[in-house]
Amino acid sequence: MSATKIDTLPEWNIQDQLETPEAVAAYLEAAFDDGDPQAITTALGDVAKAKGMAAIAGQAGITREGLYKALSKKGDPRLSTLLGVFAALGLRLTAAPVSPAE
C-alpha cells in the first residue's frame, strides 16, 4: 500500500460540518464535555464563523469585533455574551447532573 501525500488530501474545515442544528449542538456539547474554557470559546467561535459572525453578533446584541474578541484565545466572554450567542444560534444552555463515574 502506498502512502498518501498530505498535500493530496482534500482540505477539511470544521465549519463545513456545522450545517444542521444537531451538528452544532453535538460539536458544542463535545467542547463542554472537554471542560476546557478555551475549547468552549474556540468551538463557539467556529460555529459563529460558520453561521456568519456579523449576523450572530447582531442577534446577540454585541458588535462583530466584540464577538471576535470574546471568542478569541485570550477572550473571556461574559455569561450574557454566551447566552446571547446561544440564543442567536437557536440553542439554549442547560445544566445536567454529573454522574458519579464522571
N, C-alpha and C. Protein backbone atom coordinates (compact mmCIF):
# COMPACT_ATOMS: atom_id res chain seq x y z
N MET A 1 0.84 -1.18 0.00
CA MET A 1 0.00 0.00 0.00
C MET A 1 0.89 1.24 0.00
N SER A 2 0.61 2.17 -0.87
CA SER A 2 1.44 3.38 -0.95
C SER A 2 0.92 4.44 0.03
N ALA A 3 1.83 5.25 0.50
CA ALA A 3 1.48 6.32 1.43
C ALA A 3 0.82 7.47 0.67
N THR A 4 -0.10 8.14 1.32
CA THR A 4 -0.76 9.30 0.73
C THR A 4 0.00 10.55 1.14
N LYS A 5 0.31 11.38 0.18
CA LYS A 5 0.98 12.64 0.49
C LYS A 5 -0.03 13.61 1.07
N ILE A 6 0.38 14.29 2.11
CA ILE A 6 -0.51 15.21 2.81
C ILE A 6 -1.07 16.28 1.89
N ASP A 7 -0.29 16.74 0.93
CA ASP A 7 -0.78 17.81 0.05
C ASP A 7 -1.79 17.32 -0.99
N THR A 8 -2.01 16.01 -1.05
CA THR A 8 -3.02 15.48 -1.97
C THR A 8 -4.36 15.25 -1.29
N LEU A 9 -4.38 15.38 0.04
CA LEU A 9 -5.63 15.20 0.78
C LEU A 9 -6.52 16.43 0.61
N PRO A 10 -7.83 16.24 0.59
CA PRO A 10 -8.72 17.40 0.48
C PRO A 10 -8.64 18.25 1.75
N GLU A 11 -8.80 19.55 1.58
CA GLU A 11 -8.80 20.45 2.73
C GLU A 11 -10.05 20.20 3.56
N TRP A 12 -9.88 20.19 4.89
CA TRP A 12 -11.00 19.92 5.78
C TRP A 12 -11.18 21.10 6.71
N ASN A 13 -12.42 21.51 6.89
CA ASN A 13 -12.73 22.66 7.73
C ASN A 13 -13.95 22.31 8.57
N ILE A 14 -13.82 22.43 9.89
CA ILE A 14 -14.93 22.09 10.79
C ILE A 14 -16.18 22.90 10.46
N GLN A 15 -16.00 24.13 10.01
CA GLN A 15 -17.15 24.97 9.72
C GLN A 15 -18.05 24.39 8.64
N ASP A 16 -17.47 23.60 7.75
CA ASP A 16 -18.26 22.95 6.70
C ASP A 16 -19.15 21.85 7.26
N GLN A 17 -18.85 21.38 8.46
CA GLN A 17 -19.60 20.29 9.08
C GLN A 17 -20.73 20.79 9.98
N LEU A 18 -20.84 22.09 10.16
CA LEU A 18 -21.78 22.66 11.12
C LEU A 18 -23.02 23.23 10.44
N GLU A 19 -23.62 22.44 9.58
CA GLU A 19 -24.76 22.93 8.80
C GLU A 19 -26.11 22.73 9.47
N THR A 20 -26.23 21.72 10.33
CA THR A 20 -27.52 21.45 10.97
C THR A 20 -27.47 21.83 12.44
N PRO A 21 -28.63 22.16 13.03
CA PRO A 21 -28.66 22.45 14.47
C PRO A 21 -28.14 21.27 15.30
N GLU A 22 -28.40 20.06 14.84
CA GLU A 22 -27.93 18.88 15.57
C GLU A 22 -26.41 18.78 15.55
N ALA A 23 -25.80 19.09 14.41
CA ALA A 23 -24.34 19.06 14.30
C ALA A 23 -23.72 20.14 15.18
N VAL A 24 -24.32 21.32 15.19
CA VAL A 24 -23.82 22.41 16.03
C VAL A 24 -23.92 22.02 17.50
N ALA A 25 -25.08 21.50 17.90
CA ALA A 25 -25.27 21.11 19.30
C ALA A 25 -24.29 20.02 19.71
N ALA A 26 -24.07 19.04 18.86
CA ALA A 26 -23.14 17.95 19.18
C ALA A 26 -21.71 18.49 19.31
N TYR A 27 -21.32 19.39 18.44
CA TYR A 27 -19.98 19.97 18.48
C TYR A 27 -19.78 20.76 19.77
N LEU A 28 -20.76 21.59 20.11
CA LEU A 28 -20.64 22.38 21.34
C LEU A 28 -20.70 21.50 22.58
N GLU A 29 -21.53 20.47 22.55
CA GLU A 29 -21.61 19.54 23.68
C GLU A 29 -20.26 18.86 23.91
N ALA A 30 -19.59 18.48 22.84
CA ALA A 30 -18.27 17.86 22.97
C ALA A 30 -17.28 18.84 23.59
N ALA A 31 -17.36 20.11 23.20
CA ALA A 31 -16.47 21.12 23.78
C ALA A 31 -16.75 21.30 25.27
N PHE A 32 -18.03 21.34 25.65
CA PHE A 32 -18.37 21.46 27.06
C PHE A 32 -17.94 20.22 27.84
N ASP A 33 -18.09 19.05 27.24
CA ASP A 33 -17.66 17.81 27.90
C ASP A 33 -16.16 17.80 28.15
N ASP A 34 -15.41 18.48 27.28
CA ASP A 34 -13.96 18.57 27.45
C ASP A 34 -13.62 19.32 28.74
N GLY A 35 -14.45 20.29 29.09
CA GLY A 35 -14.27 21.02 30.33
C GLY A 35 -13.25 22.15 30.28
N ASP A 36 -12.66 22.38 29.13
CA ASP A 36 -11.65 23.43 28.98
C ASP A 36 -12.32 24.69 28.44
N PRO A 37 -12.27 25.80 29.19
CA PRO A 37 -12.90 27.02 28.71
C PRO A 37 -12.43 27.45 27.32
N GLN A 38 -11.16 27.23 27.02
CA GLN A 38 -10.63 27.60 25.70
C GLN A 38 -11.27 26.75 24.61
N ALA A 39 -11.50 25.47 24.89
CA ALA A 39 -12.15 24.59 23.91
C ALA A 39 -13.58 25.07 23.64
N ILE A 40 -14.24 25.54 24.68
CA ILE A 40 -15.62 26.02 24.54
C ILE A 40 -15.67 27.29 23.70
N THR A 41 -14.80 28.26 24.01
CA THR A 41 -14.83 29.50 23.24
C THR A 41 -14.37 29.28 21.81
N THR A 42 -13.42 28.37 21.61
CA THR A 42 -12.98 28.05 20.25
C THR A 42 -14.13 27.43 19.46
N ALA A 43 -14.85 26.50 20.08
CA ALA A 43 -15.98 25.85 19.41
C ALA A 43 -17.07 26.87 19.09
N LEU A 44 -17.36 27.75 20.04
CA LEU A 44 -18.36 28.79 19.77
C LEU A 44 -17.92 29.71 18.64
N GLY A 45 -16.64 30.01 18.59
CA GLY A 45 -16.10 30.82 17.50
C GLY A 45 -16.24 30.12 16.16
N ASP A 46 -15.96 28.82 16.14
CA ASP A 46 -16.11 28.04 14.90
C ASP A 46 -17.56 28.09 14.41
N VAL A 47 -18.48 27.91 15.34
CA VAL A 47 -19.90 27.91 14.97
C VAL A 47 -20.33 29.30 14.50
N ALA A 48 -19.91 30.33 15.23
CA ALA A 48 -20.27 31.70 14.84
C ALA A 48 -19.73 32.04 13.45
N LYS A 49 -18.50 31.61 13.16
CA LYS A 49 -17.93 31.86 11.83
C LYS A 49 -18.71 31.10 10.76
N ALA A 50 -19.11 29.88 11.08
CA ALA A 50 -19.86 29.07 10.12
C ALA A 50 -21.22 29.69 9.82
N LYS A 51 -21.81 30.32 10.81
CA LYS A 51 -23.15 30.90 10.65
C LYS A 51 -23.13 32.37 10.24
N GLY A 52 -21.95 32.97 10.28
CA GLY A 52 -21.81 34.38 9.93
C GLY A 52 -21.61 35.22 11.18
N MET A 53 -20.39 35.63 11.41
CA MET A 53 -20.02 36.34 12.63
C MET A 53 -20.86 37.60 12.82
N ALA A 54 -21.02 38.38 11.76
CA ALA A 54 -21.78 39.64 11.88
C ALA A 54 -23.23 39.37 12.25
N ALA A 55 -23.83 38.37 11.63
CA ALA A 55 -25.23 38.05 11.92
C ALA A 55 -25.40 37.57 13.35
N ILE A 56 -24.51 36.68 13.80
CA ILE A 56 -24.60 36.17 15.17
C ILE A 56 -24.37 37.30 16.16
N ALA A 57 -23.38 38.14 15.91
CA ALA A 57 -23.11 39.26 16.80
C ALA A 57 -24.33 40.18 16.90
N GLY A 58 -24.91 40.51 15.76
CA GLY A 58 -26.08 41.38 15.76
C GLY A 58 -27.24 40.80 16.55
N GLN A 59 -27.49 39.51 16.36
CA GLN A 59 -28.58 38.85 17.08
C GLN A 59 -28.27 38.71 18.56
N ALA A 60 -26.97 38.63 18.90
CA ALA A 60 -26.56 38.50 20.30
C ALA A 60 -26.49 39.86 21.00
N GLY A 61 -26.62 40.93 20.22
CA GLY A 61 -26.62 42.27 20.81
C GLY A 61 -25.24 42.84 21.08
N ILE A 62 -24.23 42.36 20.36
CA ILE A 62 -22.88 42.91 20.50
C ILE A 62 -22.31 43.20 19.12
N THR A 63 -21.19 43.88 19.09
CA THR A 63 -20.56 44.17 17.80
C THR A 63 -19.82 42.93 17.30
N ARG A 64 -19.58 42.91 16.00
CA ARG A 64 -18.81 41.82 15.41
C ARG A 64 -17.42 41.76 16.04
N GLU A 65 -16.80 42.93 16.20
CA GLU A 65 -15.47 43.00 16.81
C GLU A 65 -15.51 42.49 18.25
N GLY A 66 -16.56 42.86 18.97
CA GLY A 66 -16.72 42.39 20.35
C GLY A 66 -16.85 40.89 20.43
N LEU A 67 -17.56 40.32 19.46
CA LEU A 67 -17.72 38.87 19.44
C LEU A 67 -16.40 38.18 19.12
N TYR A 68 -15.68 38.70 18.13
CA TYR A 68 -14.35 38.15 17.82
C TYR A 68 -13.46 38.19 19.06
N LYS A 69 -13.46 39.31 19.77
CA LYS A 69 -12.62 39.46 20.96
C LYS A 69 -13.06 38.49 22.06
N ALA A 70 -14.35 38.38 22.29
CA ALA A 70 -14.85 37.49 23.34
C ALA A 70 -14.50 36.04 23.07
N LEU A 71 -14.50 35.64 21.80
CA LEU A 71 -14.25 34.24 21.45
C LEU A 71 -12.82 33.99 20.99
N SER A 72 -11.94 34.96 21.20
CA SER A 72 -10.53 34.78 20.83
C SER A 72 -9.82 33.92 21.87
N LYS A 73 -8.58 33.55 21.58
CA LYS A 73 -7.80 32.73 22.51
C LYS A 73 -7.63 33.41 23.86
N LYS A 74 -7.55 34.72 23.87
CA LYS A 74 -7.40 35.46 25.13
C LYS A 74 -8.74 35.96 25.65
N GLY A 75 -9.80 35.65 24.95
CA GLY A 75 -11.12 36.12 25.34
C GLY A 75 -11.64 35.42 26.59
N ASP A 76 -12.48 36.13 27.30
CA ASP A 76 -13.13 35.58 28.49
C ASP A 76 -14.56 36.13 28.48
N PRO A 77 -15.41 35.52 27.63
CA PRO A 77 -16.74 36.10 27.42
C PRO A 77 -17.60 36.10 28.68
N ARG A 78 -18.40 37.14 28.79
CA ARG A 78 -19.35 37.24 29.90
C ARG A 78 -20.48 36.25 29.66
N LEU A 79 -21.15 35.90 30.73
CA LEU A 79 -22.28 34.98 30.62
C LEU A 79 -23.35 35.57 29.71
N SER A 80 -23.57 36.87 29.79
CA SER A 80 -24.58 37.50 28.93
C SER A 80 -24.21 37.35 27.45
N THR A 81 -22.92 37.40 27.14
CA THR A 81 -22.47 37.20 25.76
C THR A 81 -22.73 35.76 25.33
N LEU A 82 -22.37 34.81 26.18
CA LEU A 82 -22.59 33.40 25.86
C LEU A 82 -24.07 33.11 25.64
N LEU A 83 -24.91 33.62 26.53
CA LEU A 83 -26.35 33.39 26.39
C LEU A 83 -26.88 34.03 25.11
N GLY A 84 -26.38 35.20 24.77
CA GLY A 84 -26.79 35.86 23.53
C GLY A 84 -26.38 35.07 22.30
N VAL A 85 -25.16 34.52 22.31
CA VAL A 85 -24.69 33.72 21.19
C VAL A 85 -25.52 32.44 21.07
N PHE A 86 -25.76 31.79 22.20
CA PHE A 86 -26.58 30.58 22.16
C PHE A 86 -27.97 30.89 21.60
N ALA A 87 -28.58 31.97 22.05
CA ALA A 87 -29.91 32.35 21.55
C ALA A 87 -29.85 32.64 20.05
N ALA A 88 -28.81 33.33 19.61
CA ALA A 88 -28.67 33.64 18.18
C ALA A 88 -28.51 32.38 17.34
N LEU A 89 -27.95 31.34 17.94
CA LEU A 89 -27.78 30.06 17.25
C LEU A 89 -29.01 29.17 17.35
N GLY A 90 -30.03 29.64 18.09
CA GLY A 90 -31.23 28.83 18.26
C GLY A 90 -31.03 27.70 19.25
N LEU A 91 -30.09 27.90 20.17
CA LEU A 91 -29.78 26.88 21.18
C LEU A 91 -30.01 27.46 22.57
N ARG A 92 -30.05 26.60 23.56
CA ARG A 92 -30.11 27.07 24.94
C ARG A 92 -29.04 26.36 25.74
N LEU A 93 -28.54 27.04 26.72
CA LEU A 93 -27.54 26.50 27.62
C LEU A 93 -28.28 25.81 28.76
N THR A 94 -27.99 24.54 28.99
CA THR A 94 -28.68 23.80 30.04
C THR A 94 -27.68 23.18 31.00
N ALA A 95 -28.19 22.76 32.13
CA ALA A 95 -27.37 22.09 33.14
C ALA A 95 -27.86 20.65 33.29
N ALA A 96 -26.93 19.77 33.58
CA ALA A 96 -27.26 18.37 33.81
C ALA A 96 -26.41 17.86 34.97
N PRO A 97 -26.96 16.96 35.77
CA PRO A 97 -26.16 16.43 36.88
C PRO A 97 -24.98 15.60 36.36
N VAL A 98 -23.92 15.63 37.11
CA VAL A 98 -22.74 14.84 36.79
C VAL A 98 -22.93 13.46 37.40
N SER A 99 -22.73 12.44 36.60
CA SER A 99 -22.87 11.08 37.13
C SER A 99 -21.65 10.76 37.99
N PRO A 100 -21.79 9.86 38.97
CA PRO A 100 -20.67 9.52 39.85
C PRO A 100 -19.43 9.03 39.10
N ALA A 101 -19.62 8.41 37.94
CA ALA A 101 -18.49 7.90 37.16
C ALA A 101 -17.67 9.02 36.55
N GLU A 102 -18.26 10.20 36.42
CA GLU A 102 -17.55 11.32 35.80
C GLU A 102 -16.76 12.02 36.85
